PDB file of N, CA and C in Angstrom:
ATOM      1  N   UNK A   1       3.683   7.668 -17.824  1.00  0.00           N
ATOM      2  CA  UNK A   1       2.775   6.416 -18.046  1.00  0.00           C
ATOM      3  C   UNK A   1       2.576   6.286 -19.573  1.00  0.00           C
ATOM      4  N   UNK A   2       2.675   5.278 -19.859  1.00  0.00           N
ATOM      5  CA  UNK A   2       2.658   5.018 -21.364  1.00  0.00           C
ATOM      6  C   UNK A   2       0.949   4.364 -21.721  1.00  0.00           C
ATOM      7  N   UNK A   3       0.622   5.383 -22.266  1.00  0.00           N
ATOM      8  CA  UNK A   3      -1.300   4.983 -22.776  1.00  0.00           C
ATOM      9  C   UNK A   3      -1.430   4.958 -24.072  1.00  0.00           C
ATOM     10  N   UNK A   4      -0.495   4.784 -25.179  1.00  0.00           N
ATOM     11  CA  UNK A   4      -0.851   4.272 -26.278  1.00  0.00           C
ATOM     12  C   UNK A   4       0.595   3.112 -26.257  1.00  0.00           C
ATOM     13  N   UNK A   5       0.210   2.749 -27.966  1.00  0.00           N
ATOM     14  CA  UNK A   5       1.520   1.787 -28.009  1.00  0.00           C
ATOM     15  C   UNK A   5       1.436   1.989 -29.532  1.00  0.00           C
ATOM     16  N   UNK A   6       2.642   1.768 -30.105  1.00  0.00           N
ATOM     17  CA  UNK A   6       3.268   1.969 -31.518  1.00  0.00           C
ATOM     18  C   UNK A   6       3.074   1.449 -32.499  1.00  0.00           C
ATOM     19  N   UNK A   7       2.386   0.446 -32.347  1.00  0.00           N
ATOM     20  CA  UNK A   7       2.281  -0.397 -33.644  1.00  0.00           C
ATOM     21  C   UNK A   7       0.930  -1.529 -33.480  1.00  0.00           C
ATOM     22  N   UNK A   8       0.473  -1.900 -34.629  1.00  0.00           N
ATOM     23  CA  UNK A   8      -0.612  -2.677 -34.899  1.00  0.00           C
ATOM     24  C   UNK A   8      -1.139  -3.861 -34.110  1.00  0.00           C
ATOM     25  N   UNK A   9      -2.172  -4.002 -33.653  1.00  0.00           N
ATOM     26  CA  UNK A   9      -2.586  -4.836 -32.612  1.00  0.00           C
ATOM     27  C   UNK A   9      -3.736  -5.544 -33.372  1.00  0.00           C
ATOM     28  N   UNK A  10      -3.452  -6.762 -33.854  1.00  0.00           N
ATOM     29  CA  UNK A  10      -4.660  -7.338 -34.559  1.00  0.00           C
ATOM     30  C   UNK A  10      -5.746  -8.258 -33.478  1.00  0.00           C
ATOM     31  N   UNK A  11      -6.943  -7.996 -33.898  1.00  0.00           N
ATOM     32  CA  UNK A  11      -7.927  -9.037 -32.711  1.00  0.00           C
ATOM     33  C   UNK A  11      -7.454 -10.539 -32.936  1.00  0.00           C
ATOM     34  N   UNK A  12      -7.631 -10.496 -31.567  1.00  0.00           N
ATOM     35  CA  UNK A  12      -7.334 -12.118 -30.957  1.00  0.00           C
ATOM     36  C   UNK A  12      -5.620 -12.227 -31.976  1.00  0.00           C
ATOM     37  N   UNK A  13      -5.311 -11.564 -31.100  1.00  0.00           N
ATOM     38  CA  UNK A  13      -3.338 -11.837 -31.800  1.00  0.00           C
ATOM     39  C   UNK A  13      -2.670 -12.349 -30.864  1.00  0.00           C
ATOM     40  N   UNK A  14      -2.553 -13.421 -30.369  1.00  0.00           N
ATOM     41  CA  UNK A  14      -1.643 -14.087 -29.250  1.00  0.00           C
ATOM     42  C   UNK A  14      -0.429 -13.897 -29.313  1.00  0.00           C
ATOM     43  N   UNK A  15       0.345 -13.893 -30.902  1.00  0.00           N
ATOM     44  CA  UNK A  15       1.769 -13.836 -31.220  1.00  0.00           C
ATOM     45  C   UNK A  15       2.125 -12.093 -30.927  1.00  0.00           C
ATOM     46  N   UNK A  16       1.492 -11.240 -31.440  1.00  0.00           N
ATOM     47  CA  UNK A  16       1.782  -9.843 -30.987  1.00  0.00           C
ATOM     48  C   UNK A  16       1.945  -9.483 -29.466  1.00  0.00           C
ATOM     49  N   UNK A  17       0.512 -10.353 -28.878  1.00  0.00           N
ATOM     50  CA  UNK A  17       0.489 -10.177 -27.640  1.00  0.00           C
ATOM     51  C   UNK A  17       2.289 -10.685 -26.947  1.00  0.00           C
ATOM     52  N   UNK A  18       2.519 -11.580 -27.135  1.00  0.00           N
ATOM     53  CA  UNK A  18       3.344 -12.179 -26.911  1.00  0.00           C
ATOM     54  C   UNK A  18       4.975 -11.577 -26.970  1.00  0.00           C
ATOM     55  N   UNK A  19       4.857 -11.309 -28.319  1.00  0.00           N
ATOM     56  CA  UNK A  19       6.091 -10.247 -28.561  1.00  0.00           C
ATOM     57  C   UNK A  19       5.894  -8.769 -28.489  1.00  0.00           C
ATOM     58  N   UNK A  20       4.978  -7.936 -28.279  1.00  0.00           N
ATOM     59  CA  UNK A  20       5.450  -6.538 -27.930  1.00  0.00           C
ATOM     60  C   UNK A  20       4.676  -6.856 -26.547  1.00  0.00           C
ATOM     61  N   UNK A  21       3.749  -6.658 -26.164  1.00  0.00           N
ATOM     62  CA  UNK A  21       3.304  -6.327 -24.179  1.00  0.00           C
ATOM     63  C   UNK A  21       3.992  -7.493 -23.448  1.00  0.00           C
ATOM     64  N   UNK A  22       3.777  -8.684 -23.445  1.00  0.00           N
ATOM     65  CA  UNK A  22       4.199  -9.328 -22.262  1.00  0.00           C
ATOM     66  C   UNK A  22       6.178  -8.908 -22.135  1.00  0.00           C
ATOM     67  N   UNK A  23       6.663  -8.488 -22.511  1.00  0.00           N
ATOM     68  CA  UNK A  23       7.701  -8.184 -22.592  1.00  0.00           C
ATOM     69  C   UNK A  23       8.093  -7.311 -21.799  1.00  0.00           C
ATOM     70  N   UNK A  24       6.933  -6.095 -21.591  1.00  0.00           N
ATOM     71  CA  UNK A  24       6.887  -5.219 -21.270  1.00  0.00           C
ATOM     72  C   UNK A  24       6.485  -4.754 -19.504  1.00  0.00           C
ATOM     73  N   UNK A  25       6.071  -5.870 -19.269  1.00  0.00           N
ATOM     74  CA  UNK A  25       5.525  -6.448 -17.839  1.00  0.00           C
ATOM     75  C   UNK A  25       6.841  -6.579 -16.788  1.00  0.00           C
ATOM     76  N   UNK A  26       7.568  -5.430 -16.452  1.00  0.00           N
ATOM     77  CA  UNK A  26       8.525  -5.395 -15.501  1.00  0.00           C
ATOM     78  C   UNK A  26       7.886  -5.524 -14.159  1.00  0.00           C
ATOM     79  N   UNK A  27       9.103  -5.305 -13.332  1.00  0.00           N
ATOM     80  CA  UNK A  27       9.288  -4.949 -11.720  1.00  0.00           C
ATOM     81  C   UNK A  27       8.095  -5.889 -11.207  1.00  0.00           C
ATOM     82  N   UNK A  28       7.454  -4.887 -10.472  1.00  0.00           N
ATOM     83  CA  UNK A  28       6.344  -5.586  -9.653  1.00  0.00           C
ATOM     84  C   UNK A  28       5.494  -6.285 -10.297  1.00  0.00           C
ATOM     85  N   UNK A  29       4.734  -6.086 -11.410  1.00  0.00           N
ATOM     86  CA  UNK A  29       3.713  -6.722 -12.218  1.00  0.00           C
ATOM     87  C   UNK A  29       4.441  -8.025 -12.460  1.00  0.00           C
ATOM     88  N   UNK A  30       5.515  -8.248 -12.761  1.00  0.00           N
ATOM     89  CA  UNK A  30       6.083  -9.614 -13.010  1.00  0.00           C
ATOM     90  C   UNK A  30       5.962 -10.399 -11.893  1.00  0.00           C
ATOM     91  N   UNK A  31       6.726  -9.919 -10.333  1.00  0.00           N
ATOM     92  CA  UNK A  31       6.580 -10.316  -9.594  1.00  0.00           C
ATOM     93  C   UNK A  31       5.630 -10.828  -8.959  1.00  0.00           C
ATOM     94  N   UNK A  32       4.041 -10.050  -9.513  1.00  0.00           N
ATOM     95  CA  UNK A  32       2.863 -10.628  -8.852  1.00  0.00           C
ATOM     96  C   UNK A  32       2.421 -11.677  -9.692  1.00  0.00           C
ATOM     97  N   UNK A  33       2.980 -11.691 -11.024  1.00  0.00           N
ATOM     98  CA  UNK A  33       2.455 -12.797 -11.480  1.00  0.00           C
ATOM     99  C   UNK A  33       3.227 -14.036 -11.245  1.00  0.00           C
ATOM    100  N   UNK A  34       4.643 -13.701 -10.948  1.00  0.00           N
ATOM    101  CA  UNK A  34       5.093 -15.371 -10.470  1.00  0.00           C
ATOM    102  C   UNK A  34       4.775 -15.387  -9.210  1.00  0.00           C
ATOM    103  N   UNK A  35       4.118 -14.708  -8.327  1.00  0.00           N
ATOM    104  CA  UNK A  35       3.566 -14.995  -6.930  1.00  0.00           C
ATOM    105  C   UNK A  35       2.364 -15.883  -7.230  1.00  0.00           C
ATOM    106  N   UNK A  36       1.402 -15.343  -8.132  1.00  0.00           N
ATOM    107  CA  UNK A  36       0.143 -16.324  -8.200  1.00  0.00           C
ATOM    108  C   UNK A  36       0.892 -17.414  -9.101  1.00  0.00           C
ATOM    109  N   UNK A  37       1.743 -17.346  -9.658  1.00  0.00           N
ATOM    110  CA  UNK A  37       2.050 -19.039 -10.384  1.00  0.00           C
ATOM    111  C   UNK A  37       2.461 -19.552  -9.310  1.00  0.00           C
ATOM    112  N   UNK A  38       3.123 -19.291  -8.324  1.00  0.00           N
ATOM    113  CA  UNK A  38       3.526 -20.188  -7.323  1.00  0.00           C
ATOM    114  C   UNK A  38       2.512 -20.203  -6.404  1.00  0.00           C
ATOM    115  N   UNK A  39       1.423 -19.937  -5.841  1.00  0.00           N
ATOM    116  CA  UNK A  39       0.634 -20.072  -5.218  1.00  0.00           C
ATOM    117  C   UNK A  39      -0.773 -20.375  -6.090  1.00  0.00           C
ATOM    118  N   UNK A  40      -0.338 -21.165  -7.062  1.00  0.00           N
ATOM    119  CA  UNK A  40      -1.245 -22.307  -8.080  1.00  0.00           C
ATOM    120  C   UNK A  40      -1.661 -21.625  -8.753  1.00  0.00           C
ATOM    121  N   UNK A  41      -1.889 -20.388  -9.457  1.00  0.00           N
ATOM    122  CA  UNK A  41      -2.901 -19.888 -10.450  1.00  0.00           C
ATOM    123  C   UNK A  41      -3.567 -19.036 -10.164  1.00  0.00           C
ATOM    124  N   UNK A  42      -4.038 -19.238  -8.719  1.00  0.00           N
ATOM    125  CA  UNK A  42      -4.644 -18.124  -8.261  1.00  0.00           C
ATOM    126  C   UNK A  42      -5.059 -17.640  -6.776  1.00  0.00           C
ATOM    127  N   UNK A  43      -4.914 -16.507  -6.032  1.00  0.00           N
ATOM    128  CA  UNK A  43      -4.854 -15.985  -4.866  1.00  0.00           C
ATOM    129  C   UNK A  43      -5.511 -14.708  -4.557  1.00  0.00           C
ATOM    130  N   UNK A  44      -5.446 -14.176  -3.352  1.00  0.00           N
ATOM    131  CA  UNK A  44      -6.163 -12.993  -2.908  1.00  0.00           C
ATOM    132  C   UNK A  44      -4.958 -11.918  -2.952  1.00  0.00           C
ATOM    133  N   UNK A  45      -5.101 -11.100  -3.190  1.00  0.00           N
ATOM    134  CA  UNK A  45      -4.101  -9.632  -2.787  1.00  0.00           C
ATOM    135  C   UNK A  45      -3.178  -9.971  -1.833  1.00  0.00           C
ATOM    136  N   UNK A  46      -3.797 -10.373  -0.789  1.00  0.00           N
ATOM    137  CA  UNK A  46      -3.186 -10.391   0.971  1.00  0.00           C
ATOM    138  C   UNK A  46      -2.526 -11.665   0.718  1.00  0.00           C
ATOM    139  N   UNK A  47      -2.457 -12.749   0.047  1.00  0.00           N
ATOM    140  CA  UNK A  47      -1.896 -13.581  -0.374  1.00  0.00           C
ATOM    141  C   UNK A  47      -0.445 -13.824  -0.727  1.00  0.00           C
ATOM    142  N   UNK A  48      -1.089 -12.799  -2.069  1.00  0.00           N
ATOM    143  CA  UNK A  48       0.312 -12.614  -2.898  1.00  0.00           C
ATOM    144  C   UNK A  48       1.136 -11.871  -1.856  1.00  0.00           C
ATOM    145  N   UNK A  49       0.668 -10.686  -1.326  1.00  0.00           N
ATOM    146  CA  UNK A  49       1.454  -9.698  -0.398  1.00  0.00           C
ATOM    147  C   UNK A  49       2.331 -10.479   0.513  1.00  0.00           C
ATOM    148  N   UNK A  50       1.149 -11.231   1.342  1.00  0.00           N
ATOM    149  CA  UNK A  50       2.381 -12.187   2.094  1.00  0.00           C
ATOM    150  C   UNK A  50       3.397 -13.007   1.406  1.00  0.00           C
ATOM    151  N   UNK A  51       3.424 -13.857   0.600  1.00  0.00           N
ATOM    152  CA  UNK A  51       3.979 -14.131   0.101  1.00  0.00           C
ATOM    153  C   UNK A  51       5.942 -13.433  -0.613  1.00  0.00           C
ATOM    154  N   UNK A  52       5.119 -12.327  -0.920  1.00  0.00           N
ATOM    155  CA  UNK A  52       6.016 -11.290  -1.548  1.00  0.00           C
ATOM    156  C   UNK A  52       6.793 -10.556  -0.263  1.00  0.00           C
ATOM    157  N   UNK A  53       6.047 -10.597   0.985  1.00  0.00           N
ATOM    158  CA  UNK A  53       6.832 -10.324   2.319  1.00  0.00           C
ATOM    159  C   UNK A  53       6.431  -8.632   1.723  1.00  0.00           C
ATOM    160  N   UNK A  54       5.678  -7.858   1.077  1.00  0.00           N
ATOM    161  CA  UNK A  54       5.352  -6.666   0.985  1.00  0.00           C
ATOM    162  C   UNK A  54       3.841  -6.178   1.633  1.00  0.00           C
ATOM    163  N   UNK A  55       3.459  -4.920   1.894  1.00  0.00           N
ATOM    164  CA  UNK A  55       2.344  -4.220   2.478  1.00  0.00           C
ATOM    165  C   UNK A  55       1.564  -4.062   1.438  1.00  0.00           C
ATOM    166  N   UNK A  56       0.001  -5.085   1.402  1.00  0.00           N
ATOM    167  CA  UNK A  56      -0.847  -4.964   0.164  1.00  0.00           C
ATOM    168  C   UNK A  56      -0.781  -3.544  -0.453  1.00  0.00           C
ATOM    169  N   UNK A  57      -1.076  -2.229   0.285  1.00  0.00           N
ATOM    170  CA  UNK A  57      -0.621  -1.272  -0.316  1.00  0.00           C
ATOM    171  C   UNK A  57       0.189  -0.705  -1.544  1.00  0.00           C
ATOM    172  N   UNK A  58       1.379  -1.163  -1.215  1.00  0.00           N
ATOM    173  CA  UNK A  58       2.768  -1.478  -2.610  1.00  0.00           C
ATOM    174  C   UNK A  58       2.293  -2.141  -3.706  1.00  0.00           C
ATOM    175  N   UNK A  59       1.263  -3.097  -3.916  1.00  0.00           N
ATOM    176  CA  UNK A  59       1.241  -4.052  -4.878  1.00  0.00           C
ATOM    177  C   UNK A  59      -0.274  -3.448  -5.530  1.00  0.00           C
ATOM    178  N   UNK A  60      -1.231  -3.320  -4.547  1.00  0.00           N
ATOM    179  CA  UNK A  60      -2.609  -3.312  -4.815  1.00  0.00           C
ATOM    180  C   UNK A  60      -3.112  -2.725  -6.304  1.00  0.00           C
ATOM    181  N   UNK A  61      -2.139  -1.737  -6.736  1.00  0.00           N
ATOM    182  CA  UNK A  61      -2.416  -1.169  -7.658  1.00  0.00           C
ATOM    183  C   UNK A  61      -2.156  -1.879  -9.250  1.00  0.00           C
ATOM    184  N   UNK A  62      -0.955  -2.636  -9.089  1.00  0.00           N
ATOM    185  CA  UNK A  62      -0.757  -3.292 -10.460  1.00  0.00           C
ATOM    186  C   UNK A  62      -1.462  -4.353 -10.312  1.00  0.00           C
ATOM    187  N   UNK A  63      -2.506  -4.700  -9.536  1.00  0.00           N
ATOM    188  CA  UNK A  63      -3.647  -5.807  -9.684  1.00  0.00           C
ATOM    189  C   UNK A  63      -4.544  -5.231 -11.037  1.00  0.00           C
ATOM    190  N   UNK A  64      -5.052  -4.022 -10.359  1.00  0.00           N
ATOM    191  CA  UNK A  64      -5.679  -3.605 -12.000  1.00  0.00           C
ATOM    192  C   UNK A  64      -5.138  -3.346 -13.058  1.00  0.00           C
ATOM    193  N   UNK A  65      -3.777  -2.925 -13.235  1.00  0.00           N
ATOM    194  CA  UNK A  65      -3.165  -2.970 -14.311  1.00  0.00           C
ATOM    195  C   UNK A  65      -2.951  -4.172 -14.806  1.00  0.00           C
ATOM    196  N   UNK A  66      -2.843  -5.198 -13.808  1.00  0.00           N
ATOM    197  CA  UNK A  66      -2.601  -6.560 -15.096  1.00  0.00           C
ATOM    198  C   UNK A  66      -3.878  -7.086 -15.421  1.00  0.00           C
ATOM    199  N   UNK A  67      -5.047  -6.600 -14.492  1.00  0.00           N
ATOM    200  CA  UNK A  67      -6.026  -7.124 -15.246  1.00  0.00           C
ATOM    201  C   UNK A  67      -7.053  -6.154 -16.549  1.00  0.00           C
ATOM    202  N   UNK A  68      -6.051  -5.056 -16.527  1.00  0.00           N
ATOM    203  CA  UNK A  68      -6.915  -4.234 -17.791  1.00  0.00           C
ATOM    204  C   UNK A  68      -5.501  -4.757 -18.736  1.00  0.00           C
ATOM    205  N   UNK A  69      -4.329  -5.430 -18.980  1.00  0.00           N
ATOM    206  CA  UNK A  69      -3.773  -5.813 -19.802  1.00  0.00           C
ATOM    207  C   UNK A  69      -4.197  -7.500 -19.813  1.00  0.00           C
ATOM    208  N   UNK A  70      -5.372  -7.847 -19.419  1.00  0.00           N
ATOM    209  CA  UNK A  70      -5.439  -9.178 -19.805  1.00  0.00           C
ATOM    210  C   UNK A  70      -4.894 -10.437 -18.959  1.00  0.00           C
ATOM    211  N   UNK A  71      -4.104  -9.867 -17.858  1.00  0.00           N
ATOM    212  CA  UNK A  71      -3.200 -11.294 -17.477  1.00  0.00           C
ATOM    213  C   UNK A  71      -3.719 -11.702 -16.185  1.00  0.00           C
ATOM    214  N   UNK A  72      -4.452 -11.487 -15.612  1.00  0.00           N
ATOM    215  CA  UNK A  72      -5.385 -11.731 -14.320  1.00  0.00           C
ATOM    216  C   UNK A  72      -7.011 -11.302 -14.709  1.00  0.00           C
ATOM    217  N   UNK A  73      -7.931 -12.307 -14.051  1.00  0.00           N
ATOM    218  CA  UNK A  73      -8.972 -11.883 -13.831  1.00  0.00           C
ATOM    219  C   UNK A  73      -9.628 -12.097 -12.372  1.00  0.00           C
ATOM    220  N   UNK A  74     -10.576 -11.869 -11.828  1.00  0.00           N
ATOM    221  CA  UNK A  74     -11.458 -12.069 -11.119  1.00  0.00           C
ATOM    222  C   UNK A  74     -11.746 -13.177 -11.038  1.00  0.00           C
ATOM    223  N   UNK A  75     -11.780 -14.159  -9.832  1.00  0.00           N
ATOM    224  CA  UNK A  75     -12.929 -15.141  -9.692  1.00  0.00           C
ATOM    225  C   UNK A  75     -13.081 -15.851  -8.754  1.00  0.00           C
ATOM    226  N   UNK A  76     -13.651 -14.587  -7.738  1.00  0.00           N
ATOM    227  CA  UNK A  76     -14.634 -15.031  -6.449  1.00  0.00           C
ATOM    228  C   UNK A  76     -14.223 -14.581  -5.284  1.00  0.00           C
ATOM    229  N   UNK A  77     -14.544 -14.619  -4.457  1.00  0.00           N
ATOM    230  CA  UNK A  77     -13.963 -14.006  -3.142  1.00  0.00           C
ATOM    231  C   UNK A  77     -13.400 -15.188  -2.532  1.00  0.00           C
ATOM    232  N   UNK A  78     -12.866 -14.749  -1.143  1.00  0.00           N
ATOM    233  CA  UNK A  78     -12.224 -15.501  -0.251  1.00  0.00           C
ATOM    234  C   UNK A  78     -12.243 -14.549   1.440  1.00  0.00           C
ATOM    235  N   UNK A  79     -12.491 -15.076   2.390  1.00  0.00           N
ATOM    236  CA  UNK A  79     -12.249 -14.374   3.482  1.00  0.00           C
ATOM    237  C   UNK A  79     -11.090 -14.824   4.261  1.00  0.00           C
ATOM    238  N   UNK A  80     -10.631 -13.716   4.844  1.00  0.00           N
ATOM    239  CA  UNK A  80      -9.408 -13.790   5.430  1.00  0.00           C
ATOM    240  C   UNK A  80      -9.817 -12.764   6.912  1.00  0.00           C
ATOM    241  N   UNK A  81      -9.729 -13.344   7.808  1.00  0.00           N
ATOM    242  CA  UNK A  81      -9.704 -12.557   9.161  1.00  0.00           C
ATOM    243  C   UNK A  81     -11.145 -11.599   9.128  1.00  0.00           C
ATOM    244  N   UNK A  82     -11.957 -12.301   8.573  1.00  0.00           N
ATOM    245  CA  UNK A  82     -13.484 -12.054   8.372  1.00  0.00           C
ATOM    246  C   UNK A  82     -13.149 -10.697   7.894  1.00  0.00           C
ATOM    247  N   UNK A  83     -12.615 -10.633   7.072  1.00  0.00           N
ATOM    248  CA  UNK A  83     -12.590  -9.552   5.950  1.00  0.00           C
ATOM    249  C   UNK A  83     -12.872 -10.412   4.066  1.00  0.00           C
ATOM    250  N   UNK A  84     -13.304  -9.996   3.395  1.00  0.00           N
ATOM    251  CA  UNK A  84     -13.530 -10.416   1.974  1.00  0.00           C
ATOM    252  C   UNK A  84     -12.500  -9.751   1.286  1.00  0.00           C
ATOM    253  N   UNK A  85     -11.957 -10.886   0.466  1.00  0.00           N
ATOM    254  CA  UNK A  85     -10.741 -10.151  -0.348  1.00  0.00           C
ATOM    255  C   UNK A  85     -10.813 -10.848  -1.870  1.00  0.00           C
ATOM    256  N   UNK A  86     -11.125 -10.079  -3.073  1.00  0.00           N
ATOM    257  CA  UNK A  86     -11.191 -10.852  -4.128  1.00  0.00           C
ATOM    258  C   UNK A  86     -10.150 -11.811  -4.543  1.00  0.00           C
ATOM    259  N   UNK A  87     -10.405 -12.617  -5.119  1.00  0.00           N
ATOM    260  CA  UNK A  87      -9.284 -14.088  -5.610  1.00  0.00           C
ATOM    261  C   UNK A  87      -9.627 -14.152  -6.801  1.00  0.00           C
ATOM    262  N   UNK A  88      -7.901 -13.628  -7.272  1.00  0.00           N
ATOM    263  CA  UNK A  88      -7.496 -13.411  -8.452  1.00  0.00           C
ATOM    264  C   UNK A  88      -6.906 -14.228  -9.394  1.00  0.00           C
ATOM    265  N   UNK A  89      -6.807 -14.656 -10.899  1.00  0.00           N
ATOM    266  CA  UNK A  89      -6.906 -15.930 -11.227  1.00  0.00           C
ATOM    267  C   UNK A  89      -5.876 -15.485 -12.826  1.00  0.00           C
ATOM    268  N   UNK A  90      -4.842 -16.139 -12.737  1.00  0.00           N
ATOM    269  CA  UNK A  90      -3.925 -15.833 -14.061  1.00  0.00           C
ATOM    270  C   UNK A  90      -4.794 -16.535 -15.602  1.00  0.00           C
ATOM    271  N   UNK A  91      -4.624 -15.763 -16.332  1.00  0.00           N
ATOM    272  CA  UNK A  91      -5.635 -15.909 -17.321  1.00  0.00           C
ATOM    273  C   UNK A  91      -4.505 -16.747 -18.573  1.00  0.00           C
TER     274      UNK A  91
END
């Protein structure tokens, strides 16, 4: 797991982000972003898992990673089957 980057990131650098960070979003993270986009830009983990036809436990870790990368943010909560779920929004 990469824990550091080998280039200078300037504060508020939109260009650096799109040239250096976003291309590294591969696999499951990219699938989750695409699912959120398909679902209108915000959805719960359960809704994303259902769309992707995957169990929630196989995607849950990616939500924290995407949040830490600034790709998604918490946008409230929603109840499904009497359980509360965080609503995630694309940034």
